[in-house]
Protein backbone atom coordinates (compact mmCIF):
# COMPACT_ATOMS: atom_id res chain seq x y z
CA GLY A 1 -47.95 22.95 30.49
CA ALA A 2 -49.90 25.57 30.35
CA GLU A 3 -51.82 24.67 26.85
CA ASP A 4 -53.21 21.29 29.30
CA ALA A 5 -54.17 22.62 31.57
CA MET A 6 -56.03 26.37 30.53
CA GLY A 7 -56.61 25.86 26.99
CA ASP A 8 -58.07 23.48 24.93
CA MET A 9 -55.88 23.02 22.20
CA ASP A 10 -52.53 20.98 22.48
CA PHE A 11 -50.47 21.51 19.27
CA LYS A 12 -47.15 20.57 18.76
CA VAL A 13 -44.85 20.94 14.80
CA ALA A 14 -41.49 19.32 13.59
CA GLY A 15 -40.05 19.51 10.62
CA THR A 16 -37.23 21.15 8.35
CA LYS A 17 -37.27 24.39 6.42
CA ASP A 18 -39.27 23.33 3.73
CA VAL A 19 -41.44 20.47 4.67
CA ILE A 20 -43.40 19.05 7.95
CA THR A 21 -42.14 15.96 9.73
CA ALA A 22 -44.45 15.14 12.65
CA LEU A 23 -47.28 16.63 14.29
CA GLN A 24 -49.47 15.93 17.10
CA LEU A 25 -52.46 17.33 18.19
CA ASP A 26 -54.68 16.98 21.39
CA THR A 27 -57.89 18.56 22.00
CA LYS A 28 -60.05 18.44 24.92
CA LEU A 29 -63.31 19.75 22.35
CA ASP A 30 -65.44 16.92 19.64
CA GLY A 31 -63.46 19.51 17.29
CA ILE A 32 -61.53 22.45 16.02
CA PRO A 33 -62.58 25.12 13.47
CA ALA A 34 -59.97 24.48 9.99
CA SER A 35 -59.25 28.04 10.43
CA VAL A 36 -57.86 27.81 13.47
CA LEU A 37 -56.18 24.66 12.25
CA ALA A 38 -54.35 26.33 9.26
CA ALA A 39 -53.82 29.61 11.89
CA ALA A 40 -51.65 27.50 13.81
CA LEU A 41 -50.02 25.62 11.13
CA LYS A 42 -48.50 29.22 9.88
CA GLN A 43 -47.56 30.27 13.69
CA ALA A 44 -45.70 27.20 14.26
CA LYS A 45 -44.15 28.11 10.17
CA GLY A 46 -42.78 30.65 12.39
CA ALA A 47 -41.74 29.92 15.20
CA ARG A 48 -39.57 26.60 13.35
CA LEU A 49 -38.05 28.71 11.07
CA ALA A 50 -36.75 30.66 14.38
CA ILE A 51 -35.39 27.94 15.96
CA LEU A 52 -33.39 26.44 12.50
CA ASP A 53 -31.90 29.66 12.69
CA VAL A 54 -30.28 29.70 15.51
CA MET A 55 -29.57 26.10 15.08
CA GLN A 56 -27.80 26.52 11.98
CA GLU A 57 -25.76 29.15 13.06
CA ALA A 58 -24.70 26.32 15.64
CA ILE A 59 -24.25 23.89 14.04
CA ASP A 60 -23.74 24.33 10.18
CA SER A 61 -24.17 20.65 9.37
CA PRO A 62 -25.24 17.19 10.65
CA ALA A 63 -22.66 15.55 12.74
CA GLU A 64 -21.27 12.07 11.89
CA MET A 65 -23.23 9.09 13.29
CA ASN A 66 -20.87 6.91 15.44
CA PRO A 67 -19.82 3.88 13.39
CA THR A 68 -21.59 1.67 16.40
CA ALA A 69 -25.00 3.50 16.40
CA PRO A 70 -27.97 1.44 14.79
CA ARG A 71 -29.75 2.27 12.69
CA ILE A 72 -32.31 2.13 9.75
CA ILE A 73 -30.88 3.10 5.94
CA THR A 74 -33.35 2.92 2.83
CA ILE A 75 -32.67 2.21 -0.54
CA LYS A 76 -34.66 1.65 -3.95
CA VAL A 77 -34.55 -0.82 -6.28
CA PRO A 78 -36.56 -1.38 -9.52
CA VAL A 79 -39.66 -3.66 -9.28
CA ASP A 80 -38.65 -6.43 -11.90
CA LYS A 81 -35.50 -6.61 -9.28
CA ILE A 82 -37.57 -7.04 -6.38
CA GLY A 83 -37.54 -11.02 -6.57
CA GLU A 84 -34.02 -11.94 -7.59
CA VAL A 85 -33.88 -9.60 -3.65
CA ILE A 86 -36.03 -12.09 -2.46
CA GLY A 87 -34.91 -15.17 -4.01
CA PRO A 88 -36.61 -18.87 -3.98
CA LYS A 89 -38.91 -19.27 -1.04
CA GLY A 90 -36.21 -15.75 0.26
CA LYS A 91 -33.48 -17.92 -0.11
CA MET A 92 -31.77 -14.98 -0.75
CA ILE A 93 -32.99 -12.14 1.32
CA ASN A 94 -32.25 -14.52 4.54
CA GLN A 95 -28.70 -15.57 3.02
CA ILE A 96 -28.18 -11.79 3.70
CA GLN A 97 -29.25 -11.56 6.72
CA ASP A 98 -27.14 -14.39 7.98
CA ASP A 99 -24.76 -12.96 6.25
CA THR A 100 -24.84 -9.45 7.52
CA GLY A 101 -26.47 -9.77 10.93
CA ALA A 102 -29.03 -6.71 9.25
CA GLU A 103 -33.53 -6.55 9.16
CA ILE A 104 -34.74 -6.40 6.13
CA THR A 105 -37.85 -5.00 4.50
CA ILE A 106 -38.77 -4.49 1.19
CA GLU A 107 -42.17 -2.98 0.10
CA ASP A 108 -43.70 -3.53 -3.26
CA ASP A 109 -42.67 -0.26 -4.90
CA GLY A 110 -38.78 -1.98 -4.71
CA THR A 111 -38.48 0.63 -1.72
CA ILE A 112 -36.53 -1.69 0.98
CA TYR A 113 -34.98 -1.00 4.81
CA ILE A 114 -32.13 -1.88 6.19
CA GLY A 115 -32.04 -2.56 10.09
CA ALA A 116 -28.70 -2.89 11.80
CA THR A 117 -27.35 -2.71 14.83
CA ASP A 118 -24.35 -0.81 13.25
CA GLY A 119 -23.12 0.92 10.33
CA PRO A 120 -20.93 -1.77 8.97
CA SER A 121 -24.00 -4.48 9.28
CA ALA A 122 -26.36 -2.14 6.94
CA GLU A 123 -23.57 -1.09 4.58
CA ALA A 124 -23.18 -4.56 4.11
CA ALA A 125 -26.24 -5.56 3.15
CA ARG A 126 -27.16 -2.20 1.15
CA THR A 127 -23.56 -3.69 -1.07
CA ALA A 128 -25.10 -7.21 -1.12
CA ILE A 129 -28.72 -6.05 -2.70
CA ASN A 130 -27.55 -3.67 -4.83
CA ALA A 131 -24.78 -6.37 -6.00
CA ILE A 132 -28.01 -8.20 -7.34
CA ALA A 133 -30.24 -5.38 -8.11
CA ASN A 134 -27.56 -3.14 -9.91
CA PRO A 135 -25.06 -5.44 -10.40
CA HIS A 136 -21.44 -5.04 -10.88
CA MET A 137 -19.19 -6.54 -13.49
CA PRO A 138 -16.78 -8.63 -12.40
CA GLU A 139 -13.29 -7.62 -13.97
CA VAL A 140 -9.73 -9.44 -14.53
CA GLY A 141 -7.73 -8.56 -11.43
CA GLU A 142 -10.56 -7.49 -9.28
CA ARG A 143 -9.62 -9.22 -5.67
CA TYR A 144 -12.40 -10.75 -3.33
CA LEU A 145 -13.41 -12.22 -0.13
CA GLY A 146 -15.30 -15.45 -1.40
CA THR A 147 -17.02 -17.98 -0.08
CA VAL A 148 -16.54 -21.85 -1.37
CA VAL A 149 -20.15 -22.53 -1.98
CA LYS A 150 -19.58 -26.03 -3.92
CA ILE A 151 -17.24 -28.49 -4.04
CA ALA A 152 -16.76 -30.59 -6.92
CA ALA A 153 -13.48 -33.18 -7.75
CA PHE A 154 -11.94 -30.46 -9.99
CA GLY A 155 -11.96 -27.84 -7.73
CA ALA A 156 -14.10 -25.56 -5.41
CA PHE A 157 -16.81 -22.78 -6.89
CA ILE A 158 -16.52 -19.76 -4.52
CA SER A 159 -19.40 -17.12 -4.51
CA LEU A 160 -18.04 -13.50 -4.88
CA MET A 161 -21.32 -11.39 -4.81
CA PRO A 162 -24.49 -12.77 -4.51
CA GLY A 163 -25.29 -14.32 -8.19
CA LYS A 164 -21.68 -14.07 -9.51
CA ASP A 165 -19.54 -17.40 -8.89
CA GLY A 166 -16.54 -18.47 -9.92
CA LEU A 167 -14.01 -21.45 -10.40
CA LEU A 168 -11.11 -22.08 -8.02
CA HIS A 169 -9.31 -25.03 -9.87
CA VAL A 170 -7.44 -27.71 -8.54
CA SER A 171 -4.49 -26.96 -9.93
CA GLN A 172 -4.62 -23.65 -7.94
CA ILE A 173 -5.98 -25.25 -4.32
CA ARG A 174 -2.43 -27.75 -5.18
CA LYS A 175 -0.46 -24.21 -4.99
CA LEU A 176 -2.23 -23.75 -1.23
CA HIS A 177 -0.63 -26.77 0.03
CA GLY A 178 2.68 -26.60 -1.45
CA GLY A 179 2.29 -28.10 -4.25
CA LYS A 180 0.97 -31.36 -2.86
CA ARG A 181 -1.16 -34.02 -5.28
CA ILE A 182 -4.89 -32.94 -4.03
CA GLU A 183 -6.95 -36.13 -4.21
CA ASN A 184 -9.67 -34.85 -2.07
CA VAL A 185 -10.82 -31.20 -2.24
CA GLU A 186 -13.55 -32.01 0.29
CA ASP A 187 -9.99 -32.90 2.37
CA VAL A 188 -8.39 -29.31 2.20
CA MET A 189 -11.41 -27.48 1.53
CA SER A 190 -15.16 -26.64 2.91
CA VAL A 191 -18.44 -25.05 2.29
CA GLY A 192 -18.94 -21.62 3.88
CA GLU A 193 -15.12 -21.55 3.90
CA LYS A 194 -13.74 -18.09 3.44
CA ILE A 195 -11.04 -16.92 0.67
CA GLN A 196 -9.68 -13.89 -0.84
CA VAL A 197 -9.09 -14.79 -4.45
CA GLU A 198 -8.26 -12.74 -7.86
CA ILE A 199 -10.00 -13.16 -11.03
CA ALA A 200 -7.47 -15.02 -13.69
CA GLU A 201 -9.67 -14.87 -16.40
CA ILE A 202 -13.51 -13.96 -17.57
CA ASP A 203 -13.88 -16.21 -21.06
CA GLY A 204 -16.37 -15.74 -23.48
CA ARG A 205 -19.16 -17.59 -21.73
CA GLY A 206 -18.72 -15.19 -18.59
CA LYS A 207 -17.45 -17.59 -16.69
CA LEU A 208 -15.00 -16.88 -13.73
CA SER A 209 -11.11 -18.43 -13.01
CA LEU A 210 -9.60 -17.46 -10.18
CA VAL A 211 -6.64 -17.83 -8.24
CA PRO A 212 -5.60 -17.65 -4.22
CA VAL A 213 -3.74 -13.94 -3.49
CA GLU A 214 -2.34 -15.85 -1.24
CA VAL A 215 -0.80 -17.70 -3.83
CA ILE A 216 -0.32 -14.42 -6.26
CA GLU A 217 1.34 -12.37 -3.35
CA LYS A 218 3.92 -15.99 -2.63
CA GLU A 219 4.94 -15.91 -6.32
CA ALA A 220 5.76 -12.45 -6.46
CA ALA A 221 8.00 -12.53 -3.26
CA GLU A 222 9.73 -15.21 -4.87
CA LYS A 223 10.52 -13.71 -7.92
CA GLU A 224 12.05 -10.84 -6.43
CA ALA A 225 14.03 -12.68 -4.30
CA LYS A 226 15.86 -14.87 -7.04
CA ALA A 227 16.42 -11.54 -8.92
CA PRO A 228 20.06 -10.90 -9.15
CA GLU A 229 21.57 -7.28 -7.30
CA GLY A 230 21.43 -4.64 -9.29
CA ASP A 231 19.08 -5.71 -11.83
CA GLU A 232 16.82 -2.83 -12.19
CA GLY A 233 14.28 -4.59 -14.81
CA PRO A 234 13.68 -4.11 -17.78
CA GLU A 235 13.93 0.03 -18.32
CA ALA A 236 18.02 -1.63 -17.34
CA ASP A 237 18.52 -4.09 -19.80
CA ALA A 238 17.06 -1.29 -21.76
CA GLU A 239 20.15 1.68 -21.31
CA ALA A 240 22.93 -0.96 -21.55
CA PRO A 241 22.58 -1.21 -25.65
CA ALA A 242 22.05 2.23 -25.69
CA ALA A 243 25.03 2.86 -23.30
CA ALA A 244 27.67 0.56 -24.99
CA GLU A 245 26.95 2.38 -28.55
CA GLU A 246 27.47 6.02 -26.98
CA LYS A 247 30.54 4.15 -25.76
CA SER A 248 31.89 2.92 -29.54
CA GLU A 249 30.84 6.53 -30.97
CA ARG A 250 33.43 7.95 -28.81
CA PRO A 251 37.12 8.71 -30.62
CA PRO A 252 40.20 6.85 -29.15
CA ARG A 253 42.34 8.06 -26.40
CA ARG A 254 45.41 9.12 -27.78
CA THR A 255 48.31 7.60 -25.70
CA ARG A 256 50.44 10.12 -24.20
CA THR A 257 54.24 8.73 -24.25
CA ARG A 258 56.14 11.40 -21.66
CA VAL A 259 60.05 11.29 -22.09
CA ARG A 260 61.97 11.91 -18.73
CA THR A 261 65.63 13.93 -19.52
CA THR A 262 68.07 13.70 -16.59
CA ARG A 263 70.01 16.70 -15.92
CA PRO A 264 73.52 16.68 -15.05
CA SER A 265 74.61 17.43 -11.81
CA ASP A 266 76.73 19.60 -10.09
CA GLY A 267 79.46 17.06 -9.57
CA ASP A 268 79.58 16.15 -13.32
CA ASP A 269 80.32 20.68 -14.07
CA ARG A 270 83.46 21.18 -11.87
CA ASN A 271 85.18 18.02 -13.72
CA SER A 272 83.82 19.63 -17.43
């Protein structure tokens, strides 16, 4: 532009109403006085605010980012949690990156940058990191899409979130296969397999006992199918005695006897 061809300085400033977010300065001179720079910044602020006002009239709020658009999000975790997020020899952070496809960078102050090719991947990585840095305590009845991380003779250990596993006992695994006896859990489940589970119990030590969601839903469907028609559940059972009691308090109905008299016919009147 003209500032490049005719001027000694090319100066561009970008930002919000409150702060400068970027600037670019080119000069043909060896240096410029501070007063000139201050005046340029003041003039740039006036122009920036005028442009922002016009933009505000056209668009009152930023548009939602397309879920499939690449993005970088930033989260903050306590400094003492950085080691847990990274894990031994980077095992935890590498696992999160492999599972979500996101790239994660951790700064010494606890700032974490998550870069991903789409929104769901970024959010999945954010959730995994927050589960470590700000863990949510699981509760009975909650459902998770877990991953089999270890097979034992008595069942399989399912990872619900980073650092939180639960046991799917062999008796529950048997229900997934029609109640058939299972000699080796490895024959029906494998490490890395995904399974939807529900927390059935949490003991005093915080150990989680899991139940397959498929089993819960199947048992519920069977129970509903066995219920007799017209059975309205506990409420109907509670209302039945009350209805019987109300009926017993009613006075007995009086029996009506209807006496029908026969009127003499016209022929009888004439004979009399």
